[in-house]
PDB file of N, CA and C in Angstrom:
ATOM      1  N   MET A   1       4.506 -33.297   7.369  1.00  0.00           N
ATOM      2  CA  MET A   1       5.781 -32.909   6.823  1.00  0.00           C
ATOM      3  C   MET A   1       5.756 -32.957   5.297  1.00  0.00           C
ATOM      4  N   LYS A   2       5.114 -34.018   4.766  1.00  0.00           N
ATOM      5  CA  LYS A   2       5.018 -34.129   3.320  1.00  0.00           C
ATOM      6  C   LYS A   2       4.217 -32.968   2.744  1.00  0.00           C
ATOM      7  N   MET A   3       3.141 -32.573   3.456  1.00  0.00           N
ATOM      8  CA  MET A   3       2.311 -31.473   2.979  1.00  0.00           C
ATOM      9  C   MET A   3       3.098 -30.176   2.930  1.00  0.00           C
ATOM     10  N   LEU A   4       3.903 -29.911   3.941  1.00  0.00           N
ATOM     11  CA  LEU A   4       4.709 -28.699   3.983  1.00  0.00           C
ATOM     12  C   LEU A   4       5.724 -28.687   2.841  1.00  0.00           C
ATOM     13  N   ALA A   5       6.366 -29.810   2.604  1.00  0.00           N
ATOM     14  CA  ALA A   5       7.332 -29.903   1.511  1.00  0.00           C
ATOM     15  C   ALA A   5       6.648 -29.691   0.163  1.00  0.00           C
ATOM     16  N   MET A   6       5.461 -30.278   0.001  1.00  0.00           N
ATOM     17  CA  MET A   6       4.717 -30.118  -1.253  1.00  0.00           C
ATOM     18  C   MET A   6       4.284 -28.665  -1.446  1.00  0.00           C
ATOM     19  N   LEU A   7       3.836 -28.036  -0.369  1.00  0.00           N
ATOM     20  CA  LEU A   7       3.420 -26.639  -0.434  1.00  0.00           C
ATOM     21  C   LEU A   7       4.591 -25.733  -0.816  1.00  0.00           C
ATOM     22  N   MET A   8       5.747 -25.974  -0.224  1.00  0.00           N
ATOM     23  CA  MET A   8       6.930 -25.175  -0.550  1.00  0.00           C
ATOM     24  C   MET A   8       7.349 -25.394  -2.004  1.00  0.00           C
ATOM     25  N   LEU A   9       7.260 -26.621  -2.488  1.00  0.00           N
ATOM     26  CA  LEU A   9       7.618 -26.932  -3.866  1.00  0.00           C
ATOM     27  C   LEU A   9       6.674 -26.224  -4.837  1.00  0.00           C
ATOM     28  N   VAL A  10       5.382 -26.301  -4.563  1.00  0.00           N
ATOM     29  CA  VAL A  10       4.395 -25.662  -5.444  1.00  0.00           C
ATOM     30  C   VAL A  10       4.556 -24.145  -5.416  1.00  0.00           C
ATOM     31  N   ALA A  11       4.779 -23.568  -4.235  1.00  0.00           N
ATOM     32  CA  ALA A  11       4.975 -22.121  -4.129  1.00  0.00           C
ATOM     33  C   ALA A  11       6.243 -21.697  -4.866  1.00  0.00           C
ATOM     34  N   GLY A  12       7.296 -22.450  -4.748  1.00  0.00           N
ATOM     35  CA  GLY A  12       8.545 -22.139  -5.438  1.00  0.00           C
ATOM     36  C   GLY A  12       8.396 -22.210  -6.947  1.00  0.00           C
ATOM     37  N   LEU A  13       7.692 -23.223  -7.425  1.00  0.00           N
ATOM     38  CA  LEU A  13       7.461 -23.340  -8.869  1.00  0.00           C
ATOM     39  C   LEU A  13       6.569 -22.210  -9.367  1.00  0.00           C
ATOM     40  N   GLY A  14       5.613 -21.821  -8.556  1.00  0.00           N
ATOM     41  CA  GLY A  14       4.733 -20.725  -8.949  1.00  0.00           C
ATOM     42  C   GLY A  14       5.494 -19.419  -9.085  1.00  0.00           C
ATOM     43  N   LEU A  15       6.401 -19.161  -8.178  1.00  0.00           N
ATOM     44  CA  LEU A  15       7.187 -17.929  -8.241  1.00  0.00           C
ATOM     45  C   LEU A  15       8.155 -17.936  -9.417  1.00  0.00           C
ATOM     46  N   LEU A  16       8.703 -19.090  -9.728  1.00  0.00           N
ATOM     47  CA  LEU A  16       9.667 -19.174 -10.812  1.00  0.00           C
ATOM     48  C   LEU A  16       9.015 -19.244 -12.191  1.00  0.00           C
ATOM     49  N   SER A  17       7.755 -19.628 -12.243  1.00  0.00           N
ATOM     50  CA  SER A  17       7.134 -19.867 -13.545  1.00  0.00           C
ATOM     51  C   SER A  17       6.450 -18.641 -14.131  1.00  0.00           C
ATOM     52  N   GLY A  18       6.481 -17.507 -13.467  1.00  0.00           N
ATOM     53  CA  GLY A  18       5.902 -16.345 -14.099  1.00  0.00           C
ATOM     54  C   GLY A  18       5.221 -15.375 -13.170  1.00  0.00           C
ATOM     55  N   CYS A  19       5.020 -15.731 -11.936  1.00  0.00           N
ATOM     56  CA  CYS A  19       4.344 -14.812 -11.030  1.00  0.00           C
ATOM     57  C   CYS A  19       5.141 -13.526 -10.828  1.00  0.00           C
ATOM     58  N   LEU A  20       6.438 -13.621 -10.787  1.00  0.00           N
ATOM     59  CA  LEU A  20       7.264 -12.442 -10.546  1.00  0.00           C
ATOM     60  C   LEU A  20       8.138 -12.067 -11.740  1.00  0.00           C
ATOM     61  N   THR A  21       8.115 -12.866 -12.784  1.00  0.00           N
ATOM     62  CA  THR A  21       9.060 -12.638 -13.866  1.00  0.00           C
ATOM     63  C   THR A  21       8.503 -11.805 -15.001  1.00  0.00           C
ATOM     64  N   GLY A  22       7.245 -11.417 -14.978  1.00  0.00           N
ATOM     65  CA  GLY A  22       6.673 -10.609 -16.051  1.00  0.00           C
ATOM     66  C   GLY A  22       6.016 -11.483 -17.097  1.00  0.00           C
ATOM     67  N   THR A  23       5.477 -10.823 -18.108  1.00  0.00           N
ATOM     68  CA  THR A  23       4.804 -11.541 -19.182  1.00  0.00           C
ATOM     69  C   THR A  23       5.599 -11.370 -20.465  1.00  0.00           C
ATOM     70  N   PRO A  24       5.382 -12.240 -21.440  1.00  0.00           N
ATOM     71  CA  PRO A  24       6.153 -12.139 -22.681  1.00  0.00           C
ATOM     72  C   PRO A  24       5.899 -10.849 -23.457  1.00  0.00           C
ATOM     73  N   GLY A  25       4.707 -10.262 -23.341  1.00  0.00           N
ATOM     74  CA  GLY A  25       4.374  -9.101 -24.134  1.00  0.00           C
ATOM     75  C   GLY A  25       4.792  -7.779 -23.535  1.00  0.00           C
ATOM     76  N   TYR A  26       5.053  -7.732 -22.250  1.00  0.00           N
ATOM     77  CA  TYR A  26       5.342  -6.472 -21.574  1.00  0.00           C
ATOM     78  C   TYR A  26       6.543  -6.630 -20.657  1.00  0.00           C
ATOM     79  N   THR A  27       7.254  -5.521 -20.460  1.00  0.00           N
ATOM     80  CA  THR A  27       8.318  -5.538 -19.466  1.00  0.00           C
ATOM     81  C   THR A  27       7.673  -5.444 -18.086  1.00  0.00           C
ATOM     82  N   ALA A  28       8.453  -5.650 -17.055  1.00  0.00           N
ATOM     83  CA  ALA A  28       7.925  -5.584 -15.697  1.00  0.00           C
ATOM     84  C   ALA A  28       7.394  -4.185 -15.376  1.00  0.00           C
ATOM     85  N   GLU A  29       8.072  -3.149 -15.869  1.00  0.00           N
ATOM     86  CA  GLU A  29       7.623  -1.771 -15.600  1.00  0.00           C
ATOM     87  C   GLU A  29       6.314  -1.477 -16.315  1.00  0.00           C
ATOM     88  N   GLU A  30       6.182  -1.945 -17.569  1.00  0.00           N
ATOM     89  CA  GLU A  30       4.938  -1.734 -18.304  1.00  0.00           C
ATOM     90  C   GLU A  30       3.778  -2.460 -17.640  1.00  0.00           C
ATOM     91  N   ARG A  31       4.024  -3.665 -17.197  1.00  0.00           N
ATOM     92  CA  ARG A  31       2.968  -4.448 -16.528  1.00  0.00           C
ATOM     93  C   ARG A  31       2.577  -3.790 -15.210  1.00  0.00           C
ATOM     94  N   GLN A  32       3.550  -3.288 -14.480  1.00  0.00           N
ATOM     95  CA  GLN A  32       3.279  -2.594 -13.214  1.00  0.00           C
ATOM     96  C   GLN A  32       2.423  -1.349 -13.472  1.00  0.00           C
ATOM     97  N   ALA A  33       2.760  -0.580 -14.507  1.00  0.00           N
ATOM     98  CA  ALA A  33       1.978   0.606 -14.850  1.00  0.00           C
ATOM     99  C   ALA A  33       0.554   0.224 -15.237  1.00  0.00           C
ATOM    100  N   GLN A  34       0.408  -0.870 -15.963  1.00  0.00           N
ATOM    101  CA  GLN A  34      -0.914  -1.353 -16.352  1.00  0.00           C
ATOM    102  C   GLN A  34      -1.748  -1.728 -15.129  1.00  0.00           C
ATOM    103  N   ILE A  35      -1.128  -2.424 -14.199  1.00  0.00           N
ATOM    104  CA  ILE A  35      -1.841  -2.848 -12.990  1.00  0.00           C
ATOM    105  C   ILE A  35      -2.288  -1.636 -12.190  1.00  0.00           C
ATOM    106  N   PHE A  36      -1.407  -0.654 -11.999  1.00  0.00           N
ATOM    107  CA  PHE A  36      -1.775   0.542 -11.244  1.00  0.00           C
ATOM    108  C   PHE A  36      -2.844   1.351 -11.957  1.00  0.00           C
ATOM    109  N   ARG A  37      -2.769   1.431 -13.287  1.00  0.00           N
ATOM    110  CA  ARG A  37      -3.777   2.173 -14.054  1.00  0.00           C
ATOM    111  C   ARG A  37      -5.146   1.503 -13.921  1.00  0.00           C
ATOM    112  N   ASN A  38      -5.184   0.184 -14.036  1.00  0.00           N
ATOM    113  CA  ASN A  38      -6.444  -0.539 -13.899  1.00  0.00           C
ATOM    114  C   ASN A  38      -6.988  -0.443 -12.478  1.00  0.00           C
ATOM    115  N   PHE A  39      -6.097  -0.503 -11.489  1.00  0.00           N
ATOM    116  CA  PHE A  39      -6.532  -0.389 -10.102  1.00  0.00           C
ATOM    117  C   PHE A  39      -7.138   0.998  -9.850  1.00  0.00           C
ATOM    118  N   GLY A  40      -6.515   2.038 -10.411  1.00  0.00           N
ATOM    119  CA  GLY A  40      -7.044   3.386 -10.257  1.00  0.00           C
ATOM    120  C   GLY A  40      -8.419   3.529 -10.886  1.00  0.00           C
ATOM    121  N   THR A  41      -8.598   2.951 -12.068  1.00  0.00           N
ATOM    122  CA  THR A  41      -9.905   2.996 -12.734  1.00  0.00           C
ATOM    123  C   THR A  41     -10.942   2.248 -11.917  1.00  0.00           C
ATOM    124  N   ASP A  42     -10.577   1.094 -11.371  1.00  0.00           N
ATOM    125  CA  ASP A  42     -11.503   0.331 -10.531  1.00  0.00           C
ATOM    126  C   ASP A  42     -11.903   1.119  -9.291  1.00  0.00           C
ATOM    127  N   MET A  43     -10.957   1.818  -8.691  1.00  0.00           N
ATOM    128  CA  MET A  43     -11.280   2.613  -7.505  1.00  0.00           C
ATOM    129  C   MET A  43     -12.194   3.790  -7.857  1.00  0.00           C
ATOM    130  N   ASP A  44     -11.982   4.404  -9.026  1.00  0.00           N
ATOM    131  CA  ASP A  44     -12.866   5.478  -9.476  1.00  0.00           C
ATOM    132  C   ASP A  44     -14.287   4.957  -9.663  1.00  0.00           C
ATOM    133  N   GLN A  45     -14.416   3.795 -10.274  1.00  0.00           N
ATOM    134  CA  GLN A  45     -15.739   3.234 -10.502  1.00  0.00           C
ATOM    135  C   GLN A  45     -16.381   2.792  -9.191  1.00  0.00           C
ATOM    136  N   THR A  46     -15.565   2.340  -8.247  1.00  0.00           N
ATOM    137  CA  THR A  46     -16.094   1.989  -6.933  1.00  0.00           C
ATOM    138  C   THR A  46     -16.646   3.217  -6.227  1.00  0.00           C
ATOM    139  N   SER A  47     -15.946   4.333  -6.328  1.00  0.00           N
ATOM    140  CA  SER A  47     -16.459   5.555  -5.694  1.00  0.00           C
ATOM    141  C   SER A  47     -17.744   6.009  -6.382  1.00  0.00           C
ATOM    142  N   ASP A  48     -17.861   5.803  -7.697  1.00  0.00           N
ATOM    143  CA  ASP A  48     -19.118   6.100  -8.389  1.00  0.00           C
ATOM    144  C   ASP A  48     -20.254   5.241  -7.841  1.00  0.00           C
ATOM    145  N   ASP A  49     -19.985   3.952  -7.642  1.00  0.00           N
ATOM    146  CA  ASP A  49     -21.014   3.052  -7.130  1.00  0.00           C
ATOM    147  C   ASP A  49     -21.437   3.443  -5.715  1.00  0.00           C
ATOM    148  N   ILE A  50     -20.470   3.812  -4.884  1.00  0.00           N
ATOM    149  CA  ILE A  50     -20.787   4.215  -3.509  1.00  0.00           C
ATOM    150  C   ILE A  50     -21.597   5.507  -3.512  1.00  0.00           C
ATOM    151  N   ASP A  51     -21.210   6.471  -4.361  1.00  0.00           N
ATOM    152  CA  ASP A  51     -21.985   7.710  -4.474  1.00  0.00           C
ATOM    153  C   ASP A  51     -23.406   7.418  -4.929  1.00  0.00           C
ATOM    154  N   HIS A  52     -23.568   6.475  -5.838  1.00  0.00           N
ATOM    155  CA  HIS A  52     -24.903   6.118  -6.318  1.00  0.00           C
ATOM    156  C   HIS A  52     -25.734   5.482  -5.206  1.00  0.00           C
ATOM    157  N   MET A  53     -25.109   4.584  -4.429  1.00  0.00           N
ATOM    158  CA  MET A  53     -25.838   3.919  -3.343  1.00  0.00           C
ATOM    159  C   MET A  53     -26.235   4.906  -2.248  1.00  0.00           C
ATOM    160  N   LEU A  54     -25.381   5.875  -1.972  1.00  0.00           N
ATOM    161  CA  LEU A  54     -25.667   6.849  -0.915  1.00  0.00           C
ATOM    162  C   LEU A  54     -26.456   8.055  -1.427  1.00  0.00           C
ATOM    163  N   LEU A  55     -26.859   8.002  -2.704  1.00  0.00           N
ATOM    164  CA  LEU A  55     -27.650   9.062  -3.335  1.00  0.00           C
ATOM    165  C   LEU A  55     -26.939  10.411  -3.293  1.00  0.00           C
ATOM    166  N   LEU A  56     -25.636  10.399  -3.503  1.00  0.00           N
ATOM    167  CA  LEU A  56     -24.858  11.626  -3.509  1.00  0.00           C
ATOM    168  C   LEU A  56     -24.716  12.221  -4.908  1.00  0.00           C
ATOM    169  N   ARG A  57     -25.157  11.505  -5.901  1.00  0.00           N
ATOM    170  CA  ARG A  57     -25.043  11.952  -7.283  1.00  0.00           C
ATOM    171  C   ARG A  57     -26.423  11.870  -7.919  1.00  0.00           C
ATOM    172  N   PRO A  58     -26.775  12.814  -8.787  1.00  0.00           N
ATOM    173  CA  PRO A  58     -28.086  12.748  -9.433  1.00  0.00           C
ATOM    174  C   PRO A  58     -28.248  11.475 -10.257  1.00  0.00           C
ATOM    175  N   ALA A  59     -29.465  11.015 -10.375  1.00  0.00           N
ATOM    176  CA  ALA A  59     -29.744   9.797 -11.135  1.00  0.00           C
ATOM    177  C   ALA A  59     -29.493  10.025 -12.622  1.00  0.00           C
ATOM    178  N   GLY A  60     -29.027   9.004 -13.299  1.00  0.00           N
ATOM    179  CA  GLY A  60     -28.882   9.039 -14.743  1.00  0.00           C
ATOM    180  C   GLY A  60     -27.606   9.670 -15.252  1.00  0.00           C
ATOM    181  N   THR A  61     -26.678   9.997 -14.386  1.00  0.00           N
ATOM    182  CA  THR A  61     -25.425  10.567 -14.870  1.00  0.00           C
ATOM    183  C   THR A  61     -24.394   9.464 -15.045  1.00  0.00           C
ATOM    184  N   LEU A  62     -23.532   9.649 -16.011  1.00  0.00           N
ATOM    185  CA  LEU A  62     -22.451   8.698 -16.232  1.00  0.00           C
ATOM    186  C   LEU A  62     -21.276   9.043 -15.321  1.00  0.00           C
ATOM    187  N   SER A  63     -20.284   8.224 -15.366  1.00  0.00           N
ATOM    188  CA  SER A  63     -19.103   8.455 -14.542  1.00  0.00           C
ATOM    189  C   SER A  63     -18.437   9.777 -14.907  1.00  0.00           C
ATOM    190  N   GLY A  64     -17.976  10.483 -13.908  1.00  0.00           N
ATOM    191  CA  GLY A  64     -17.282  11.734 -14.146  1.00  0.00           C
ATOM    192  C   GLY A  64     -15.814  11.550 -14.419  1.00  0.00           C
ATOM    193  N   TRP A  65     -15.350  10.313 -14.345  1.00  0.00           N
ATOM    194  CA  TRP A  65     -13.928  10.042 -14.523  1.00  0.00           C
ATOM    195  C   TRP A  65     -13.615   9.862 -15.993  1.00  0.00           C
ATOM    196  N   ASN A  66     -12.549  10.470 -16.441  1.00  0.00           N
ATOM    197  CA  ASN A  66     -12.113  10.338 -17.827  1.00  0.00           C
ATOM    198  C   ASN A  66     -11.152   9.169 -17.913  1.00  0.00           C
ATOM    199  N   ILE A  67     -11.662   8.014 -18.310  1.00  0.00           N
ATOM    200  CA  ILE A  67     -10.821   6.815 -18.290  1.00  0.00           C
ATOM    201  C   ILE A  67     -10.080   6.588 -19.594  1.00  0.00           C
ATOM    202  N   TYR A  68     -10.405   7.339 -20.639  1.00  0.00           N
ATOM    203  CA  TYR A  68      -9.761   7.095 -21.920  1.00  0.00           C
ATOM    204  C   TYR A  68      -8.449   7.854 -22.072  1.00  0.00           C
ATOM    205  N   HIS A  69      -8.242   8.890 -21.292  1.00  0.00           N
ATOM    206  CA  HIS A  69      -7.019   9.679 -21.420  1.00  0.00           C
ATOM    207  C   HIS A  69      -6.151   9.572 -20.175  1.00  0.00           C
ATOM    208  N   ARG A  70      -6.285   8.496 -19.462  1.00  0.00           N
ATOM    209  CA  ARG A  70      -5.509   8.288 -18.240  1.00  0.00           C
ATOM    210  C   ARG A  70      -4.103   7.842 -18.612  1.00  0.00           C
ATOM    211  N   GLN A  71      -3.129   8.367 -17.917  1.00  0.00           N
ATOM    212  CA  GLN A  71      -1.731   8.014 -18.201  1.00  0.00           C
ATOM    213  C   GLN A  71      -1.232   7.000 -17.230  1.00  0.00           C
TER     214      GLN A  71
END
């Protein structure tokens, strides 16, 4: 019982201390856009790695994804 109470207390403090409230430098919408943009870039690079492992892309080529102009 004590463990359950402690777990609930720690989880509650974690949620109130910043997990859902955003960061000081960005609004929640900006942070959400950042997370989705980074996730998209990670998925693009993952597909590059899978193509490389399955020999679907010629050797020595760089990523075909344009990561610098992503919105």
